Amino acid sequence: MKKLESVEQFETLKNNGKHIFLFTAGWCPDCRMIEPVLPEIENEYQEYTFISVDRDEFIDLCIELDVFGIPSFIAFGDGKELGRFVSKNRKTQQEIESFIESLS
């Protein structure tokens, strides 16, 4: 999974193609719990590019997007928000996959 490097990169990615942004942090135990299944999820849903966003590096972006709990996912397609799975709760592989399937 690629890491977001700048707010400008976020805007470019958000507006071009289909992306799912995973908001996470190094200190987040629930984020670490889903890490082992993320490659499988990425492989299964190749129509999306998955981008990891470090909450601590991009706190202003999180505030702008109303992301106050992690791990959280927001999907965009060519500038339009397709859906969000935003909460502070631990997420299972099945819940993440159900969220992605609900986008189409």
Protein backbone atom coordinates (compact mmCIF):
# COMPACT_ATOMS: atom_id res chain seq x y z
CA MET A 1 0.00 0.00 0.00
CA LYS A 2 1.37 3.39 -0.96
CA LYS A 3 1.75 6.09 1.69
CA LEU A 4 0.31 9.55 1.18
CA GLU A 5 3.15 12.06 0.96
CA SER A 6 1.37 15.43 0.70
CA VAL A 7 -2.03 17.13 0.70
CA GLU A 8 -1.41 18.02 -2.95
CA GLN A 9 -0.94 14.33 -3.73
CA PHE A 10 -4.21 13.58 -1.92
CA GLU A 11 -6.07 16.12 -4.09
CA THR A 12 -4.53 14.70 -7.27
CA LEU A 13 -5.34 11.10 -6.36
CA LYS A 14 -8.82 11.93 -5.09
CA ASN A 15 -9.70 13.64 -8.37
CA ASN A 16 -8.20 11.07 -10.75
CA GLY A 17 -9.28 7.44 -10.71
CA LYS A 18 -10.65 5.24 -7.96
CA HIS A 19 -8.87 5.33 -4.63
CA ILE A 20 -9.53 4.09 -1.13
CA PHE A 21 -7.74 6.05 1.56
CA LEU A 22 -6.98 4.22 4.80
CA PHE A 23 -6.55 6.61 7.73
CA THR A 24 -4.24 5.02 10.27
CA ALA A 25 -1.46 5.72 12.78
CA GLY A 26 1.60 3.86 14.01
CA TRP A 27 0.34 3.80 17.61
CA CYS A 28 -3.16 2.46 16.73
CA PRO A 29 -3.61 -1.19 17.87
CA ASP A 30 -6.80 -1.67 15.81
CA CYS A 31 -4.88 -0.47 12.73
CA ARG A 32 -2.19 -3.09 13.39
CA MET A 33 -4.89 -5.79 13.68
CA ILE A 34 -6.06 -5.27 10.07
CA GLU A 35 -2.57 -4.94 8.54
CA PRO A 36 -2.16 -8.69 7.81
CA VAL A 37 -5.36 -8.81 5.69
CA LEU A 38 -4.78 -5.59 3.74
CA PRO A 39 -2.64 -7.16 0.96
CA GLU A 40 -5.38 -9.74 0.35
CA ILE A 41 -8.04 -7.01 0.24
CA GLU A 42 -5.92 -4.90 -2.14
CA ASN A 43 -5.45 -7.92 -4.39
CA GLU A 44 -9.17 -8.72 -4.40
CA TYR A 45 -10.29 -5.16 -5.25
CA GLN A 46 -7.76 -4.12 -7.87
CA GLU A 47 -10.11 -1.55 -9.42
CA TYR A 48 -9.10 0.67 -6.47
CA THR A 49 -5.69 2.01 -5.53
CA PHE A 50 -5.24 1.87 -1.76
CA ILE A 51 -3.43 4.75 -0.07
CA SER A 52 -2.37 4.83 3.57
CA VAL A 53 -2.82 8.20 5.32
CA ASP A 54 -0.99 8.72 8.61
CA ARG A 55 -3.42 10.55 10.86
CA ASP A 56 -0.64 12.22 12.82
CA GLU A 57 1.06 13.57 9.68
CA PHE A 58 -2.20 14.75 8.09
CA ILE A 59 -4.32 15.83 11.06
CA ASP A 60 -5.68 18.89 9.21
CA LEU A 61 -6.81 16.68 6.32
CA CYS A 62 -8.50 14.34 8.80
CA ILE A 63 -10.33 17.26 10.39
CA GLU A 64 -11.39 18.54 6.95
CA LEU A 65 -12.74 15.08 6.06
CA ASP A 66 -14.39 14.50 9.48
CA VAL A 67 -12.16 11.53 10.24
CA PHE A 68 -11.95 11.43 14.03
CA GLY A 69 -11.55 7.69 14.55
CA ILE A 70 -9.10 5.22 13.08
CA PRO A 71 -8.77 2.95 11.26
CA SER A 72 -11.12 4.54 8.75
CA PHE A 73 -11.63 4.25 5.01
CA ILE A 74 -12.87 6.83 2.48
CA ALA A 75 -13.32 5.93 -1.19
CA PHE A 76 -13.21 8.45 -4.04
CA GLY A 77 -13.86 8.07 -7.74
CA ASP A 78 -12.76 10.94 -9.98
CA GLY A 79 -13.32 13.58 -7.30
CA LYS A 80 -16.60 12.23 -5.94
CA GLU A 81 -16.79 10.57 -2.54
CA LEU A 82 -18.12 7.07 -3.16
CA GLY A 83 -18.45 6.07 0.48
CA ARG A 84 -16.87 6.03 3.90
CA PHE A 85 -16.34 3.53 6.66
CA VAL A 86 -15.35 5.96 9.39
CA SER A 87 -15.42 5.09 13.07
CA LYS A 88 -13.12 4.42 15.97
CA ASN A 89 -14.18 0.77 16.13
CA ARG A 90 -12.01 -2.21 15.24
CA LYS A 91 -12.81 -3.45 11.75
CA THR A 92 -12.81 -7.03 10.47
CA GLN A 93 -11.78 -8.18 7.01
CA GLN A 94 -15.42 -9.04 6.29
CA GLU A 95 -16.58 -5.54 7.31
CA ILE A 96 -13.94 -3.89 5.11
CA GLU A 97 -14.85 -6.09 2.14
CA SER A 98 -18.57 -5.41 2.67
CA PHE A 99 -17.83 -1.68 2.67
CA ILE A 100 -15.87 -1.93 -0.60
CA GLU A 101 -18.59 -4.06 -2.23
CA SER A 102 -21.22 -1.48 -1.23
CA LEU A 103 -19.38 1.17 -3.28
CA SER A 104 -20.36 -0.20 -6.69
